[in-house]
Amino acid sequence: PGKQRELVASIYRNYQTTYADSVKGRFT
């Protein structure tokens, strides 16, 4: 609420992943 939509995690065709700093180590 009151915030912009943000990307938290991505997965690519080769299964490479990226994460927002706020969720690294906690989300998979």
mmCIF file of all heavy atoms, coordinates in Angstrom:
data_MODEL
# 
_entry.id   MODEL 
# 
loop_
_atom_site.group_PDB 
_atom_site.id 
_atom_site.type_symbol 
_atom_site.label_atom_id 
_atom_site.label_alt_id 
_atom_site.label_comp_id 
_atom_site.label_asym_id 
_atom_site.label_entity_id 
_atom_site.label_seq_id 
_atom_site.pdbx_PDB_ins_code 
_atom_site.Cartn_x 
_atom_site.Cartn_y 
_atom_site.Cartn_z 
_atom_site.occupancy 
_atom_site.B_iso_or_equiv 
_atom_site.pdbx_formal_charge 
_atom_site.auth_seq_id 
_atom_site.auth_comp_id 
_atom_site.auth_asym_id 
_atom_site.auth_atom_id 
_atom_site.pdbx_PDB_model_num 
ATOM 1   N N   . PRO A 1 1  ? 0.822  -1.212  0.000   1.00 0.00 ? 1  PRO A N   1 
ATOM 2   C CA  . PRO A 1 1  ? 0.000  0.000   0.000   1.00 0.00 ? 1  PRO A CA  1 
ATOM 3   C C   . PRO A 1 1  ? 0.854  1.259   0.000   1.00 0.00 ? 1  PRO A C   1 
ATOM 4   O O   . PRO A 1 1  ? 1.786  1.397   0.791   1.00 0.00 ? 1  PRO A O   1 
ATOM 5   C CB  . PRO A 1 1  ? -0.809 -0.130  1.292   1.00 0.00 ? 1  PRO A CB  1 
ATOM 6   C CG  . PRO A 1 1  ? -0.885 -1.603  1.537   1.00 0.00 ? 1  PRO A CG  1 
ATOM 7   C CD  . PRO A 1 1  ? 0.446  -2.139  1.075   1.00 0.00 ? 1  PRO A CD  1 
ATOM 8   N N   . GLY A 1 2  ? 0.542  2.175   -0.906  1.00 0.00 ? 2  GLY A N   1 
ATOM 9   C CA  . GLY A 1 2  ? 1.272  3.425   -1.001  1.00 0.00 ? 2  GLY A CA  1 
ATOM 10  C C   . GLY A 1 2  ? 2.635  3.326   -1.644  1.00 0.00 ? 2  GLY A C   1 
ATOM 11  O O   . GLY A 1 2  ? 3.371  4.320   -1.667  1.00 0.00 ? 2  GLY A O   1 
ATOM 12  N N   . LYS A 1 3  ? 2.982  2.157   -2.163  1.00 0.00 ? 3  LYS A N   1 
ATOM 13  C CA  . LYS A 1 3  ? 4.287  1.954   -2.768  1.00 0.00 ? 3  LYS A CA  1 
ATOM 14  C C   . LYS A 1 3  ? 4.154  1.583   -4.237  1.00 0.00 ? 3  LYS A C   1 
ATOM 15  O O   . LYS A 1 3  ? 3.104  1.122   -4.693  1.00 0.00 ? 3  LYS A O   1 
ATOM 16  C CB  . LYS A 1 3  ? 5.052  0.847   -2.036  1.00 0.00 ? 3  LYS A CB  1 
ATOM 17  C CG  . LYS A 1 3  ? 5.268  1.089   -0.552  1.00 0.00 ? 3  LYS A CG  1 
ATOM 18  C CD  . LYS A 1 3  ? 6.226  2.229   -0.311  1.00 0.00 ? 3  LYS A CD  1 
ATOM 19  C CE  . LYS A 1 3  ? 6.521  2.382   1.170   1.00 0.00 ? 3  LYS A CE  1 
ATOM 20  N NZ  . LYS A 1 3  ? 7.462  3.502   1.429   1.00 0.00 ? 3  LYS A NZ  1 
ATOM 21  N N   . GLN A 1 4  ? 5.241  1.791   -4.975  1.00 0.00 ? 4  GLN A N   1 
ATOM 22  C CA  . GLN A 1 4  ? 5.293  1.366   -6.361  1.00 0.00 ? 4  GLN A CA  1 
ATOM 23  C C   . GLN A 1 4  ? 5.508  -0.137  -6.441  1.00 0.00 ? 4  GLN A C   1 
ATOM 24  O O   . GLN A 1 4  ? 6.097  -0.746  -5.546  1.00 0.00 ? 4  GLN A O   1 
ATOM 25  C CB  . GLN A 1 4  ? 6.415  2.095   -7.094  1.00 0.00 ? 4  GLN A CB  1 
ATOM 26  C CG  . GLN A 1 4  ? 6.207  3.595   -7.226  1.00 0.00 ? 4  GLN A CG  1 
ATOM 27  C CD  . GLN A 1 4  ? 5.075  3.925   -8.163  1.00 0.00 ? 4  GLN A CD  1 
ATOM 28  O OE1 . GLN A 1 4  ? 4.946  3.345   -9.247  1.00 0.00 ? 4  GLN A OE1 1 
ATOM 29  N NE2 . GLN A 1 4  ? 4.231  4.868   -7.762  1.00 0.00 ? 4  GLN A NE2 1 
ATOM 30  N N   . ARG A 1 5  ? 5.026  -0.721  -7.518  1.00 0.00 ? 5  ARG A N   1 
ATOM 31  C CA  . ARG A 1 5  ? 5.278  -2.125  -7.747  1.00 0.00 ? 5  ARG A CA  1 
ATOM 32  C C   . ARG A 1 5  ? 6.775  -2.333  -7.992  1.00 0.00 ? 5  ARG A C   1 
ATOM 33  O O   . ARG A 1 5  ? 7.394  -1.582  -8.745  1.00 0.00 ? 5  ARG A O   1 
ATOM 34  C CB  . ARG A 1 5  ? 4.468  -2.626  -8.940  1.00 0.00 ? 5  ARG A CB  1 
ATOM 35  C CG  . ARG A 1 5  ? 4.590  -4.126  -9.170  1.00 0.00 ? 5  ARG A CG  1 
ATOM 36  C CD  . ARG A 1 5  ? 3.677  -4.603  -10.290 1.00 0.00 ? 5  ARG A CD  1 
ATOM 37  N NE  . ARG A 1 5  ? 2.279  -4.393  -9.969  1.00 0.00 ? 5  ARG A NE  1 
ATOM 38  C CZ  . ARG A 1 5  ? 1.267  -4.814  -10.721 1.00 0.00 ? 5  ARG A CZ  1 
ATOM 39  N NH1 . ARG A 1 5  ? 1.512  -5.483  -11.839 1.00 0.00 ? 5  ARG A NH1 1 
ATOM 40  N NH2 . ARG A 1 5  ? 0.025  -4.561  -10.360 1.00 0.00 ? 5  ARG A NH2 1 
ATOM 41  N N   . GLU A 1 6  ? 7.343  -3.345  -7.355  1.00 0.00 ? 6  GLU A N   1 
ATOM 42  C CA  . GLU A 1 6  ? 8.760  -3.602  -7.482  1.00 0.00 ? 6  GLU A CA  1 
ATOM 43  C C   . GLU A 1 6  ? 9.017  -5.057  -7.851  1.00 0.00 ? 6  GLU A C   1 
ATOM 44  O O   . GLU A 1 6  ? 8.279  -5.956  -7.452  1.00 0.00 ? 6  GLU A O   1 
ATOM 45  C CB  . GLU A 1 6  ? 9.502  -3.267  -6.181  1.00 0.00 ? 6  GLU A CB  1 
ATOM 46  C CG  . GLU A 1 6  ? 9.085  -4.113  -4.994  1.00 0.00 ? 6  GLU A CG  1 
ATOM 47  C CD  . GLU A 1 6  ? 9.935  -3.873  -3.757  1.00 0.00 ? 6  GLU A CD  1 
ATOM 48  O OE1 . GLU A 1 6  ? 11.048 -3.331  -3.888  1.00 0.00 ? 6  GLU A OE1 1 
ATOM 49  O OE2 . GLU A 1 6  ? 9.488  -4.234  -2.654  1.00 0.00 ? 6  GLU A OE2 1 
ATOM 50  N N   . LEU A 1 7  ? 10.079 -5.258  -8.598  1.00 0.00 ? 7  LEU A N   1 
ATOM 51  C CA  . LEU A 1 7  ? 10.517 -6.601  -8.954  1.00 0.00 ? 7  LEU A CA  1 
ATOM 52  C C   . LEU A 1 7  ? 11.296 -7.187  -7.793  1.00 0.00 ? 7  LEU A C   1 
ATOM 53  O O   . LEU A 1 7  ? 12.253 -6.580  -7.313  1.00 0.00 ? 7  LEU A O   1 
ATOM 54  C CB  . LEU A 1 7  ? 11.382 -6.552  -10.210 1.00 0.00 ? 7  LEU A CB  1 
ATOM 55  C CG  . LEU A 1 7  ? 12.011 -7.866  -10.669 1.00 0.00 ? 7  LEU A CG  1 
ATOM 56  C CD1 . LEU A 1 7  ? 10.938 -8.854  -11.104 1.00 0.00 ? 7  LEU A CD1 1 
ATOM 57  C CD2 . LEU A 1 7  ? 12.993 -7.608  -11.805 1.00 0.00 ? 7  LEU A CD2 1 
ATOM 58  N N   . VAL A 1 8  ? 10.912 -8.375  -7.355  1.00 0.00 ? 8  VAL A N   1 
ATOM 59  C CA  . VAL A 1 8  ? 11.604 -9.005  -6.238  1.00 0.00 ? 8  VAL A CA  1 
ATOM 60  C C   . VAL A 1 8  ? 12.465 -10.180 -6.664  1.00 0.00 ? 8  VAL A C   1 
ATOM 61  O O   . VAL A 1 8  ? 13.468 -10.472 -6.005  1.00 0.00 ? 8  VAL A O   1 
ATOM 62  C CB  . VAL A 1 8  ? 10.623 -9.434  -5.127  1.00 0.00 ? 8  VAL A CB  1 
ATOM 63  C CG1 . VAL A 1 8  ? 9.904  -8.219  -4.563  1.00 0.00 ? 8  VAL A CG1 1 
ATOM 64  C CG2 . VAL A 1 8  ? 9.613  -10.460 -5.631  1.00 0.00 ? 8  VAL A CG2 1 
ATOM 65  N N   . ALA A 1 9  ? 12.109 -10.861 -7.746  1.00 0.00 ? 9  ALA A N   1 
ATOM 66  C CA  . ALA A 1 9  ? 12.883 -12.014 -8.188  1.00 0.00 ? 9  ALA A CA  1 
ATOM 67  C C   . ALA A 1 9  ? 12.600 -12.295 -9.649  1.00 0.00 ? 9  ALA A C   1 
ATOM 68  O O   . ALA A 1 9  ? 11.467 -12.136 -10.109 1.00 0.00 ? 9  ALA A O   1 
ATOM 69  C CB  . ALA A 1 9  ? 12.572 -13.254 -7.349  1.00 0.00 ? 9  ALA A CB  1 
ATOM 70  N N   . SER A 1 10 ? 13.627 -12.731 -10.380 1.00 0.00 ? 10 SER A N   1 
ATOM 71  C CA  . SER A 1 10 ? 13.501 -13.090 -11.786 1.00 0.00 ? 10 SER A CA  1 
ATOM 72  C C   . SER A 1 10 ? 14.195 -14.410 -12.037 1.00 0.00 ? 10 SER A C   1 
ATOM 73  O O   . SER A 1 10 ? 15.177 -14.745 -11.370 1.00 0.00 ? 10 SER A O   1 
ATOM 74  C CB  . SER A 1 10 ? 14.122 -12.032 -12.698 1.00 0.00 ? 10 SER A CB  1 
ATOM 75  O OG  . SER A 1 10 ? 13.471 -10.788 -12.575 1.00 0.00 ? 10 SER A OG  1 
ATOM 76  N N   . ILE A 1 11 ? 13.689 -15.134 -13.018 1.00 0.00 ? 11 ILE A N   1 
ATOM 77  C CA  . ILE A 1 11 ? 14.345 -16.352 -13.468 1.00 0.00 ? 11 ILE A CA  1 
ATOM 78  C C   . ILE A 1 11 ? 14.328 -16.364 -14.988 1.00 0.00 ? 11 ILE A C   1 
ATOM 79  O O   . ILE A 1 11 ? 13.316 -16.035 -15.618 1.00 0.00 ? 11 ILE A O   1 
ATOM 80  C CB  . ILE A 1 11 ? 13.692 -17.615 -12.865 1.00 0.00 ? 11 ILE A CB  1 
ATOM 81  C CG1 . ILE A 1 11 ? 14.510 -18.860 -13.214 1.00 0.00 ? 11 ILE A CG1 1 
ATOM 82  C CG2 . ILE A 1 11 ? 12.240 -17.761 -13.286 1.00 0.00 ? 11 ILE A CG2 1 
ATOM 83  C CD1 . ILE A 1 11 ? 14.152 -20.066 -12.359 1.00 0.00 ? 11 ILE A CD1 1 
ATOM 84  N N   . TYR A 1 12 ? 15.459 -16.736 -15.565 1.00 0.00 ? 12 TYR A N   1 
ATOM 85  C CA  . TYR A 1 12 ? 15.644 -16.637 -17.000 1.00 0.00 ? 12 TYR A CA  1 
ATOM 86  C C   . TYR A 1 12 ? 15.586 -18.014 -17.654 1.00 0.00 ? 12 TYR A C   1 
ATOM 87  O O   . TYR A 1 12 ? 15.481 -19.033 -16.962 1.00 0.00 ? 12 TYR A O   1 
ATOM 88  C CB  . TYR A 1 12 ? 16.953 -15.921 -17.309 1.00 0.00 ? 12 TYR A CB  1 
ATOM 89  C CG  . TYR A 1 12 ? 16.986 -14.535 -16.706 1.00 0.00 ? 12 TYR A CG  1 
ATOM 90  C CD1 . TYR A 1 12 ? 17.604 -14.298 -15.478 1.00 0.00 ? 12 TYR A CD1 1 
ATOM 91  C CD2 . TYR A 1 12 ? 16.362 -13.471 -17.343 1.00 0.00 ? 12 TYR A CD2 1 
ATOM 92  C CE1 . TYR A 1 12 ? 17.605 -13.032 -14.912 1.00 0.00 ? 12 TYR A CE1 1 
ATOM 93  C CE2 . TYR A 1 12 ? 16.355 -12.207 -16.783 1.00 0.00 ? 12 TYR A CE2 1 
ATOM 94  C CZ  . TYR A 1 12 ? 16.979 -11.989 -15.572 1.00 0.00 ? 12 TYR A CZ  1 
ATOM 95  O OH  . TYR A 1 12 ? 16.968 -10.737 -15.016 1.00 0.00 ? 12 TYR A OH  1 
ATOM 96  N N   . ARG A 1 13 ? 15.681 -18.014 -18.969 1.00 0.00 ? 13 ARG A N   1 
ATOM 97  C CA  . ARG A 1 13 ? 15.527 -19.264 -19.712 1.00 0.00 ? 13 ARG A CA  1 
ATOM 98  C C   . ARG A 1 13 ? 16.576 -20.303 -19.339 1.00 0.00 ? 13 ARG A C   1 
ATOM 99  O O   . ARG A 1 13 ? 16.289 -21.502 -19.373 1.00 0.00 ? 13 ARG A O   1 
ATOM 100 C CB  . ARG A 1 13 ? 15.575 -18.997 -21.218 1.00 0.00 ? 13 ARG A CB  1 
ATOM 101 C CG  . ARG A 1 13 ? 14.507 -18.028 -21.695 1.00 0.00 ? 13 ARG A CG  1 
ATOM 102 C CD  . ARG A 1 13 ? 14.649 -17.727 -23.170 1.00 0.00 ? 13 ARG A CD  1 
ATOM 103 N NE  . ARG A 1 13 ? 13.857 -16.567 -23.560 1.00 0.00 ? 13 ARG A NE  1 
ATOM 104 C CZ  . ARG A 1 13 ? 13.758 -16.092 -24.783 1.00 0.00 ? 13 ARG A CZ  1 
ATOM 105 N NH1 . ARG A 1 13 ? 14.410 -16.682 -25.773 1.00 0.00 ? 13 ARG A NH1 1 
ATOM 106 N NH2 . ARG A 1 13 ? 13.013 -15.028 -25.031 1.00 0.00 ? 13 ARG A NH2 1 
ATOM 107 N N   . ASN A 1 14 ? 17.765 -19.833 -18.985 1.00 0.00 ? 14 ASN A N   1 
ATOM 108 C CA  . ASN A 1 14 ? 18.839 -20.737 -18.585 1.00 0.00 ? 14 ASN A CA  1 
ATOM 109 C C   . ASN A 1 14 ? 18.853 -21.004 -17.083 1.00 0.00 ? 14 ASN A C   1 
ATOM 110 O O   . ASN A 1 14 ? 19.822 -21.536 -16.558 1.00 0.00 ? 14 ASN A O   1 
ATOM 111 C CB  . ASN A 1 14 ? 20.193 -20.186 -19.028 1.00 0.00 ? 14 ASN A CB  1 
ATOM 112 C CG  . ASN A 1 14 ? 20.527 -18.861 -18.369 1.00 0.00 ? 14 ASN A CG  1 
ATOM 113 O OD1 . ASN A 1 14 ? 19.706 -18.284 -17.651 1.00 0.00 ? 14 ASN A OD1 1 
ATOM 114 N ND2 . ASN A 1 14 ? 21.733 -18.374 -18.616 1.00 0.00 ? 14 ASN A ND2 1 
ATOM 115 N N   . TYR A 1 15 ? 17.789 -20.610 -16.390 1.00 0.00 ? 15 TYR A N   1 
ATOM 116 C CA  . TYR A 1 15 ? 17.586 -20.799 -14.965 1.00 0.00 ? 15 TYR A CA  1 
ATOM 117 C C   . TYR A 1 15 ? 18.430 -19.876 -14.092 1.00 0.00 ? 15 TYR A C   1 
ATOM 118 O O   . TYR A 1 15 ? 18.433 -20.021 -12.866 1.00 0.00 ? 15 TYR A O   1 
ATOM 119 C CB  . TYR A 1 15 ? 17.793 -22.260 -14.552 1.00 0.00 ? 15 TYR A CB  1 
ATOM 120 C CG  . TYR A 1 15 ? 16.729 -23.180 -15.091 1.00 0.00 ? 15 TYR A CG  1 
ATOM 121 C CD1 . TYR A 1 15 ? 16.885 -23.801 -16.319 1.00 0.00 ? 15 TYR A CD1 1 
ATOM 122 C CD2 . TYR A 1 15 ? 15.558 -23.409 -14.374 1.00 0.00 ? 15 TYR A CD2 1 
ATOM 123 C CE1 . TYR A 1 15 ? 15.898 -24.627 -16.830 1.00 0.00 ? 15 TYR A CE1 1 
ATOM 124 C CE2 . TYR A 1 15 ? 14.570 -24.234 -14.875 1.00 0.00 ? 15 TYR A CE2 1 
ATOM 125 C CZ  . TYR A 1 15 ? 14.749 -24.839 -16.110 1.00 0.00 ? 15 TYR A CZ  1 
ATOM 126 O OH  . TYR A 1 15 ? 13.766 -25.661 -16.608 1.00 0.00 ? 15 TYR A OH  1 
ATOM 127 N N   . GLN A 1 16 ? 19.138 -18.927 -14.701 1.00 0.00 ? 16 GLN A N   1 
ATOM 128 C CA  . GLN A 1 16 ? 19.802 -17.899 -13.910 1.00 0.00 ? 16 GLN A CA  1 
ATOM 129 C C   . GLN A 1 16 ? 18.758 -17.077 -13.174 1.00 0.00 ? 16 GLN A C   1 
ATOM 130 O O   . GLN A 1 16 ? 17.673 -16.806 -13.703 1.00 0.00 ? 16 GLN A O   1 
ATOM 131 C CB  . GLN A 1 16 ? 20.646 -17.004 -14.808 1.00 0.00 ? 16 GLN A CB  1 
ATOM 132 C CG  . GLN A 1 16 ? 21.437 -15.944 -14.056 1.00 0.00 ? 16 GLN A CG  1 
ATOM 133 C CD  . GLN A 1 16 ? 22.250 -15.063 -14.982 1.00 0.00 ? 16 GLN A CD  1 
ATOM 134 O OE1 . GLN A 1 16 ? 22.148 -15.163 -16.207 1.00 0.00 ? 16 GLN A OE1 1 
ATOM 135 N NE2 . GLN A 1 16 ? 23.058 -14.192 -14.413 1.00 0.00 ? 16 GLN A NE2 1 
ATOM 136 N N   . THR A 1 17 ? 19.081 -16.677 -11.960 1.00 0.00 ? 17 THR A N   1 
ATOM 137 C CA  . THR A 1 17 ? 18.134 -15.937 -11.142 1.00 0.00 ? 17 THR A CA  1 
ATOM 138 C C   . THR A 1 17 ? 18.739 -14.633 -10.651 1.00 0.00 ? 17 THR A C   1 
ATOM 139 O O   . THR A 1 17 ? 19.955 -14.510 -10.510 1.00 0.00 ? 17 THR A O   1 
ATOM 140 C CB  . THR A 1 17 ? 17.673 -16.758 -9.933  1.00 0.00 ? 17 THR A CB  1 
ATOM 141 O OG1 . THR A 1 17 ? 18.810 -17.130 -9.140  1.00 0.00 ? 17 THR A OG1 1 
ATOM 142 C CG2 . THR A 1 17 ? 16.951 -18.020 -10.382 1.00 0.00 ? 17 THR A CG2 1 
ATOM 143 N N   . THR A 1 18 ? 17.884 -13.665 -10.385 1.00 0.00 ? 18 THR A N   1 
ATOM 144 C CA  . THR A 1 18 ? 18.277 -12.414 -9.754  1.00 0.00 ? 18 THR A CA  1 
ATOM 145 C C   . THR A 1 18 ? 17.255 -12.075 -8.683  1.00 0.00 ? 18 THR A C   1 
ATOM 146 O O   . THR A 1 18 ? 16.095 -12.485 -8.758  1.00 0.00 ? 18 THR A O   1 
ATOM 147 C CB  . THR A 1 18 ? 18.372 -11.255 -10.757 1.00 0.00 ? 18 THR A CB  1 
ATOM 148 O OG1 . THR A 1 18 ? 17.101 -11.056 -11.387 1.00 0.00 ? 18 THR A OG1 1 
ATOM 149 C CG2 . THR A 1 18 ? 19.421 -11.548 -11.826 1.00 0.00 ? 18 THR A CG2 1 
ATOM 150 N N   . TYR A 1 19 ? 17.687 -11.297 -7.689  1.00 0.00 ? 19 TYR A N   1 
ATOM 151 C CA  . TYR A 1 19 ? 16.834 -10.941 -6.571  1.00 0.00 ? 19 TYR A CA  1 
ATOM 152 C C   . TYR A 1 19 ? 17.046 -9.496  -6.174  1.00 0.00 ? 19 TYR A C   1 
ATOM 153 O O   . TYR A 1 19 ? 18.150 -8.959  -6.289  1.00 0.00 ? 19 TYR A O   1 
ATOM 154 C CB  . TYR A 1 19 ? 17.124 -11.828 -5.361  1.00 0.00 ? 19 TYR A CB  1 
ATOM 155 C CG  . TYR A 1 19 ? 16.866 -13.290 -5.601  1.00 0.00 ? 19 TYR A CG  1 
ATOM 156 C CD1 . TYR A 1 19 ? 17.874 -14.127 -6.072  1.00 0.00 ? 19 TYR A CD1 1 
ATOM 157 C CD2 . TYR A 1 19 ? 15.608 -13.833 -5.370  1.00 0.00 ? 19 TYR A CD2 1 
ATOM 158 C CE1 . TYR A 1 19 ? 17.635 -15.468 -6.305  1.00 0.00 ? 19 TYR A CE1 1 
ATOM 159 C CE2 . TYR A 1 19 ? 15.360 -15.177 -5.602  1.00 0.00 ? 19 TYR A CE2 1 
ATOM 160 C CZ  . TYR A 1 19 ? 16.375 -15.987 -6.071  1.00 0.00 ? 19 TYR A CZ  1 
ATOM 161 O OH  . TYR A 1 19 ? 16.128 -17.319 -6.303  1.00 0.00 ? 19 TYR A OH  1 
ATOM 162 N N   . ALA A 1 20 ? 15.988 -8.887  -5.695  1.00 0.00 ? 20 ALA A N   1 
ATOM 163 C CA  . ALA A 1 20 ? 16.132 -7.588  -5.067  1.00 0.00 ? 20 ALA A CA  1 
ATOM 164 C C   . ALA A 1 20 ? 16.965 -7.729  -3.800  1.00 0.00 ? 20 ALA A C   1 
ATOM 165 O O   . ALA A 1 20 ? 16.916 -8.757  -3.119  1.00 0.00 ? 20 ALA A O   1 
ATOM 166 C CB  . ALA A 1 20 ? 14.761 -7.005  -4.734  1.00 0.00 ? 20 ALA A CB  1 
ATOM 167 N N   . ASP A 1 21 ? 17.731 -6.691  -3.490  1.00 0.00 ? 21 ASP A N   1 
ATOM 168 C CA  . ASP A 1 21 ? 18.582 -6.748  -2.309  1.00 0.00 ? 21 ASP A CA  1 
ATOM 169 C C   . ASP A 1 21 ? 17.789 -7.039  -1.038  1.00 0.00 ? 21 ASP A C   1 
ATOM 170 O O   . ASP A 1 21 ? 18.279 -7.716  -0.131  1.00 0.00 ? 21 ASP A O   1 
ATOM 171 C CB  . ASP A 1 21 ? 19.344 -5.436  -2.142  1.00 0.00 ? 21 ASP A CB  1 
ATOM 172 C CG  . ASP A 1 21 ? 20.433 -5.253  -3.179  1.00 0.00 ? 21 ASP A CG  1 
ATOM 173 O OD1 . ASP A 1 21 ? 20.836 -6.255  -3.808  1.00 0.00 ? 21 ASP A OD1 1 
ATOM 174 O OD2 . ASP A 1 21 ? 20.888 -4.106  -3.353  1.00 0.00 ? 21 ASP A OD2 1 
ATOM 175 N N   . SER A 1 22 ? 16.573 -6.558  -0.979  1.00 0.00 ? 22 SER A N   1 
ATOM 176 C CA  . SER A 1 22 ? 15.769 -6.711  0.224   1.00 0.00 ? 22 SER A CA  1 
ATOM 177 C C   . SER A 1 22 ? 15.351 -8.145  0.504   1.00 0.00 ? 22 SER A C   1 
ATOM 178 O O   . SER A 1 22 ? 14.951 -8.461  1.626   1.00 0.00 ? 22 SER A O   1 
ATOM 179 C CB  . SER A 1 22 ? 14.522 -5.827  0.138   1.00 0.00 ? 22 SER A CB  1 
ATOM 180 O OG  . SER A 1 22 ? 13.734 -6.173  -0.986  1.00 0.00 ? 22 SER A OG  1 
ATOM 181 N N   . VAL A 1 23 ? 15.432 -9.027  -0.497  1.00 0.00 ? 23 VAL A N   1 
ATOM 182 C CA  . VAL A 1 23 ? 14.984 -10.405 -0.313  1.00 0.00 ? 23 VAL A CA  1 
ATOM 183 C C   . VAL A 1 23 ? 16.094 -11.422 -0.507  1.00 0.00 ? 23 VAL A C   1 
ATOM 184 O O   . VAL A 1 23 ? 15.853 -12.623 -0.318  1.00 0.00 ? 23 VAL A O   1 
ATOM 185 C CB  . VAL A 1 23 ? 13.799 -10.749 -1.242  1.00 0.00 ? 23 VAL A CB  1 
ATOM 186 C CG1 . VAL A 1 23 ? 12.677 -9.735  -1.075  1.00 0.00 ? 23 VAL A CG1 1 
ATOM 187 C CG2 . VAL A 1 23 ? 14.241 -10.829 -2.697  1.00 0.00 ? 23 VAL A CG2 1 
ATOM 188 N N   . LYS A 1 24 ? 17.284 -10.990 -0.868  1.00 0.00 ? 24 LYS A N   1 
ATOM 189 C CA  . LYS A 1 24 ? 18.387 -11.926 -1.084  1.00 0.00 ? 24 LYS A CA  1 
ATOM 190 C C   . LYS A 1 24 ? 18.650 -12.751 0.166   1.00 0.00 ? 24 LYS A C   1 
ATOM 191 O O   . LYS A 1 24 ? 18.690 -12.232 1.268   1.00 0.00 ? 24 LYS A O   1 
ATOM 192 C CB  . LYS A 1 24 ? 19.655 -11.179 -1.488  1.00 0.00 ? 24 LYS A CB  1 
ATOM 193 C CG  . LYS A 1 24 ? 19.662 -10.709 -2.925  1.00 0.00 ? 24 LYS A CG  1 
ATOM 194 C CD  . LYS A 1 24 ? 20.971 -10.023 -3.274  1.00 0.00 ? 24 LYS A CD  1 
ATOM 195 C CE  . LYS A 1 24 ? 21.004 -9.600  -4.729  1.00 0.00 ? 24 LYS A CE  1 
ATOM 196 N NZ  . LYS A 1 24 ? 22.258 -8.886  -5.075  1.00 0.00 ? 24 LYS A NZ  1 
ATOM 197 N N   . GLY A 1 25 ? 18.824 -14.042 -0.041  1.00 0.00 ? 25 GLY A N   1 
ATOM 198 C CA  . GLY A 1 25 ? 19.060 -14.951 1.061   1.00 0.00 ? 25 GLY A CA  1 
ATOM 199 C C   . GLY A 1 25 ? 17.813 -15.446 1.737   1.00 0.00 ? 25 GLY A C   1 
ATOM 200 O O   . GLY A 1 25 ? 17.890 -16.363 2.569   1.00 0.00 ? 25 GLY A O   1 
ATOM 201 N N   . ARG A 1 26 ? 16.667 -14.870 1.402   1.00 0.00 ? 26 ARG A N   1 
ATOM 202 C CA  . ARG A 1 26 ? 15.405 -15.263 2.025   1.00 0.00 ? 26 ARG A CA  1 
ATOM 203 C C   . ARG A 1 26 ? 14.407 -15.843 1.030   1.00 0.00 ? 26 ARG A C   1 
ATOM 204 O O   . ARG A 1 26 ? 13.616 -16.711 1.401   1.00 0.00 ? 26 ARG A O   1 
ATOM 205 C CB  . ARG A 1 26 ? 14.764 -14.072 2.741   1.00 0.00 ? 26 ARG A CB  1 
ATOM 206 C CG  . ARG A 1 26 ? 15.632 -13.456 3.831   1.00 0.00 ? 26 ARG A CG  1 
ATOM 207 C CD  . ARG A 1 26 ? 14.867 -12.417 4.642   1.00 0.00 ? 26 ARG A CD  1 
ATOM 208 N NE  . ARG A 1 26 ? 14.434 -11.289 3.816   1.00 0.00 ? 26 ARG A NE  1 
ATOM 209 C CZ  . ARG A 1 26 ? 13.170 -10.950 3.596   1.00 0.00 ? 26 ARG A CZ  1 
ATOM 210 N NH1 . ARG A 1 26 ? 12.183 -11.662 4.146   1.00 0.00 ? 26 ARG A NH1 1 
ATOM 211 N NH2 . ARG A 1 26 ? 12.867 -9.900  2.853   1.00 0.00 ? 26 ARG A NH2 1 
ATOM 212 N N   . PHE A 1 27 ? 14.423 -15.361 -0.203  1.00 0.00 ? 27 PHE A N   1 
ATOM 213 C CA  . PHE A 1 27 ? 13.484 -15.811 -1.229  1.00 0.00 ? 27 PHE A CA  1 
ATOM 214 C C   . PHE A 1 27 ? 14.226 -16.636 -2.275  1.00 0.00 ? 27 PHE A C   1 
ATOM 215 O O   . PHE A 1 27 ? 15.389 -16.361 -2.588  1.00 0.00 ? 27 PHE A O   1 
ATOM 216 C CB  . PHE A 1 27 ? 12.821 -14.626 -1.932  1.00 0.00 ? 27 PHE A CB  1 
ATOM 217 C CG  . PHE A 1 27 ? 11.841 -13.842 -1.100  1.00 0.00 ? 27 PHE A CG  1 
ATOM 218 C CD1 . PHE A 1 27 ? 11.733 -14.011 0.266   1.00 0.00 ? 27 PHE A CD1 1 
ATOM 219 C CD2 . PHE A 1 27 ? 11.013 -12.919 -1.721  1.00 0.00 ? 27 PHE A CD2 1 
ATOM 220 C CE1 . PHE A 1 27 ? 10.841 -13.282 1.018   1.00 0.00 ? 27 PHE A CE1 1 
ATOM 221 C CE2 . PHE A 1 27 ? 10.105 -12.180 -0.975  1.00 0.00 ? 27 PHE A CE2 1 
ATOM 222 C CZ  . PHE A 1 27 ? 10.017 -12.352 0.391   1.00 0.00 ? 27 PHE A CZ  1 
ATOM 223 N N   . THR A 1 28 ? 13.540 -17.612 -2.840  1.00 0.00 ? 28 THR A N   1 
ATOM 224 C CA  . THR A 1 28 ? 14.082 -18.418 -3.922  1.00 0.00 ? 28 THR A CA  1 
ATOM 225 C C   . THR A 1 28 ? 13.025 -18.576 -5.006  1.00 0.00 ? 28 THR A C   1 
ATOM 226 O O   . THR A 1 28 ? 11.910 -19.020 -4.724  1.00 0.00 ? 28 THR A O   1 
ATOM 227 C CB  . THR A 1 28 ? 14.518 -19.805 -3.435  1.00 0.00 ? 28 THR A CB  1 
ATOM 228 O OG1 . THR A 1 28 ? 15.505 -19.672 -2.407  1.00 0.00 ? 28 THR A OG1 1 
ATOM 229 C CG2 . THR A 1 28 ? 15.118 -20.608 -4.587  1.00 0.00 ? 28 THR A CG2 1 
# 
